[in-house]
Protein backbone atom coordinates (compact mmCIF):
# COMPACT_ATOMS: atom_id res chain seq x y z
CA UNK A 1 -4.12 -22.35 -0.34
CA UNK A 2 -1.64 -23.01 2.61
CA UNK A 3 1.72 -21.33 3.24
CA UNK A 4 4.67 -23.72 1.55
CA UNK A 5 7.88 -23.74 3.71
CA UNK A 6 11.15 -24.78 3.78
CA UNK A 7 13.71 -26.18 5.66
CA UNK A 8 17.12 -27.34 6.39
CA UNK A 9 20.19 -28.77 9.05
CA UNK A 10 22.40 -25.83 10.34
CA UNK A 11 25.21 -26.98 9.14
CA UNK A 12 23.54 -27.68 4.91
CA UNK A 13 23.87 -25.90 2.01
CA UNK A 14 20.79 -26.47 -0.07
CA UNK A 15 17.16 -25.95 1.29
CA UNK A 16 14.51 -28.96 0.84
CA UNK A 17 10.75 -29.79 0.97
CA UNK A 18 8.01 -27.52 -0.55
CA UNK A 19 5.75 -28.18 3.05
CA UNK A 20 2.93 -26.28 5.61
CA UNK A 21 3.41 -25.63 8.88
CA UNK A 22 1.94 -28.42 10.40
CA UNK A 23 3.78 -30.83 7.82
CA UNK A 24 7.07 -28.75 9.31
CA UNK A 25 5.19 -28.88 12.66
CA UNK A 26 5.11 -32.98 13.13
CA UNK A 27 8.53 -33.55 11.76
CA UNK A 28 9.27 -32.39 14.95
CA UNK A 29 7.54 -34.74 16.94
CA UNK A 30 8.56 -37.57 15.11
CA UNK A 31 11.70 -35.90 15.58
CA UNK A 32 13.15 -36.08 12.40
CA UNK A 33 13.25 -32.57 12.54
CA UNK A 34 15.33 -30.53 15.09
CA UNK A 35 14.31 -27.38 17.01
CA UNK A 36 17.50 -26.09 16.10
CA UNK A 37 16.77 -26.38 11.93
CA UNK A 38 15.99 -23.47 10.41
CA UNK A 39 12.30 -23.39 8.74
CA UNK A 40 11.94 -19.80 5.88
CA UNK A 41 8.31 -19.92 3.95
CA UNK A 42 9.75 -21.06 0.75
CA UNK A 43 11.69 -18.98 -1.34
CA UNK A 44 12.38 -16.14 0.79
CA UNK A 45 15.66 -17.61 2.74
CA UNK A 46 16.60 -14.23 4.26
CA UNK A 47 13.84 -14.94 6.37
CA UNK A 48 15.12 -17.95 8.30
CA UNK A 49 14.14 -18.56 11.64
CA UNK A 50 15.12 -21.71 13.71
CA UNK A 51 12.46 -24.11 13.72
CA UNK A 52 11.94 -24.08 18.02
CA UNK A 53 11.17 -19.74 17.23
CA UNK A 54 8.69 -21.05 14.32
CA UNK A 55 6.66 -23.32 16.81
CA UNK A 56 6.98 -20.52 19.41
CA UNK A 57 4.67 -17.84 17.39
CA UNK A 58 3.33 -18.95 14.26
CA UNK A 59 3.16 -15.22 12.89
CA UNK A 60 6.63 -14.65 12.37
CA UNK A 61 7.29 -14.97 9.17
CA UNK A 62 4.27 -11.99 8.46
CA UNK A 63 6.46 -10.09 11.82
CA UNK A 64 9.56 -10.36 10.22
CA UNK A 65 8.24 -8.97 6.48
CA UNK A 66 5.51 -6.02 8.10
CA UNK A 67 8.86 -5.01 10.17
CA UNK A 68 11.01 -5.26 6.44
CA UNK A 69 8.63 -3.10 4.77
CA UNK A 70 8.77 -0.64 7.64
CA UNK A 71 12.11 -0.79 7.41
CA UNK A 72 12.36 0.33 3.66
CA UNK A 73 9.43 2.81 4.43
CA UNK A 74 12.56 4.68 6.88
CA UNK A 75 15.45 4.60 4.49
CA UNK A 76 15.77 7.94 1.88
CA UNK A 77 15.64 6.84 -1.56
CA UNK A 78 19.71 7.55 -2.52
CA UNK A 79 19.74 11.03 -4.70
CA UNK A 80 21.70 8.53 -7.39
CA UNK A 81 17.84 6.75 -7.81
CA UNK A 82 15.86 10.26 -7.79
CA UNK A 83 18.44 11.99 -10.35
CA UNK A 84 17.35 8.71 -12.54
CA UNK A 85 13.70 9.12 -12.03
CA UNK A 86 14.17 12.68 -12.76
CA UNK A 87 16.62 12.27 -15.96
CA UNK A 88 13.52 9.87 -17.77
CA UNK A 89 10.99 12.10 -16.77
CA UNK A 90 12.90 14.20 -19.06
CA UNK A 91 14.41 12.26 -22.00
CA UNK A 92 10.36 11.39 -21.86
CA UNK A 93 9.32 15.44 -22.53
CA UNK A 94 12.15 16.31 -24.27
CA UNK A 95 11.04 13.59 -27.14
CA UNK A 96 7.16 14.83 -27.07
CA UNK A 97 7.78 18.43 -27.03
CA UNK A 98 10.54 17.93 -29.46
CA UNK A 99 8.01 16.27 -31.59
CA UNK A 100 4.97 17.83 -31.00
CA UNK A 101 7.07 21.50 -32.33
CA UNK A 102 8.61 19.66 -35.22
CA UNK A 103 5.29 18.86 -35.89
CA UNK A 104 2.88 21.88 -35.38
CA UNK A 105 5.98 24.28 -36.73
CA UNK A 106 8.26 22.48 -39.48
CA UNK A 107 5.61 19.94 -41.31
CA UNK A 108 7.50 20.29 -44.13
CA UNK A 109 10.44 18.18 -41.50
CA UNK A 110 8.35 15.13 -41.09
CA UNK A 111 8.76 12.41 -43.05
CA UNK A 112 11.45 13.63 -44.16
CA UNK A 113 13.96 11.72 -42.29
CA UNK A 114 17.14 12.39 -39.97
CA UNK A 115 18.92 15.54 -41.46
CA UNK A 116 22.16 15.95 -39.82
CA UNK A 117 21.23 18.53 -36.85
CA UNK A 118 18.30 16.21 -36.12
CA UNK A 119 20.84 13.47 -35.20
CA UNK A 120 22.54 15.78 -32.88
CA UNK A 121 20.35 16.74 -30.85
CA UNK A 122 18.43 12.75 -30.90
CA UNK A 123 21.31 12.10 -29.58
CA UNK A 124 21.65 13.78 -27.06
CA UNK A 125 18.54 13.28 -26.21
CA UNK A 126 18.59 10.07 -26.55
CA UNK A 127 21.86 9.86 -23.51
CA UNK A 128 20.28 11.91 -21.59
CA UNK A 129 17.64 8.56 -21.39
CA UNK A 130 20.70 6.03 -21.38
CA UNK A 131 22.12 8.39 -18.48
CA UNK A 132 18.44 7.92 -16.68
CA UNK A 133 18.27 4.39 -17.25
CA UNK A 134 21.69 3.89 -16.06
CA UNK A 135 20.74 5.92 -12.26
CA UNK A 136 17.49 4.28 -12.18
CA UNK A 137 19.10 0.74 -11.71
CA UNK A 138 21.69 1.53 -9.53
CA UNK A 139 20.03 3.67 -7.82
CA UNK A 140 17.02 1.22 -7.28
CA UNK A 141 20.41 -1.24 -6.39
CA UNK A 142 21.94 0.64 -3.69
CA UNK A 143 18.44 0.90 -2.57
CA UNK A 144 18.00 -2.53 -2.11
CA UNK A 145 20.78 -3.39 -0.51
CA UNK A 146 20.63 -0.31 2.41
CA UNK A 147 17.44 -1.93 3.24
CA UNK A 148 19.14 -5.13 3.07
CA UNK A 149 21.46 -4.26 5.54
CA UNK A 150 19.36 -2.08 8.09
CA UNK A 151 17.06 -5.93 7.90
CA UNK A 152 20.21 -7.72 8.78
CA UNK A 153 21.86 -5.62 11.06
CA UNK A 154 18.08 -5.36 13.08
CA UNK A 155 17.97 -8.85 12.85
CA UNK A 156 21.26 -9.64 14.07
CA UNK A 157 20.97 -6.73 16.95
CA UNK A 158 17.42 -8.74 18.20
CA UNK A 159 19.22 -12.27 17.93
CA UNK A 160 22.38 -10.83 19.96
CA UNK A 161 19.06 -9.78 22.72
CA UNK A 162 17.35 -12.43 23.02
CA UNK A 163 20.65 -14.68 23.20
CA UNK A 164 20.69 -16.67 19.95
């Protein structure tokens, strides 16, 4: 299946089209589309380039994707992300270990319901799980933002050096 692209004029707000590479090139040849228009893979507007760049380098979008993956691999994951992952591991370890201990050493408690002591222990473990999940989500957002900023800075620097 051919890759699909979206286009827009430089001063437009909305992207249009589900165009193949050949359709974009045909529109340029018919002068319905200028070289200053923007083109991007469908659904990936942050990889938009000028149509002139798109025509000059056919593999520009795969190169941009590879560059973004290399940047993402080079950025260290935030401490919040690592802490959240560790708290979630500890949460599941506590639940599993606690359940096993109760079944082995206190079989008379199985099926007896939640006593106040059990509830106090479980609330602290559940709290650890909730905090771990929130830290994991916020750390993931922070990591995505760091990758986004790094990619924008590098693309801006490359365009500045190219004189665009």
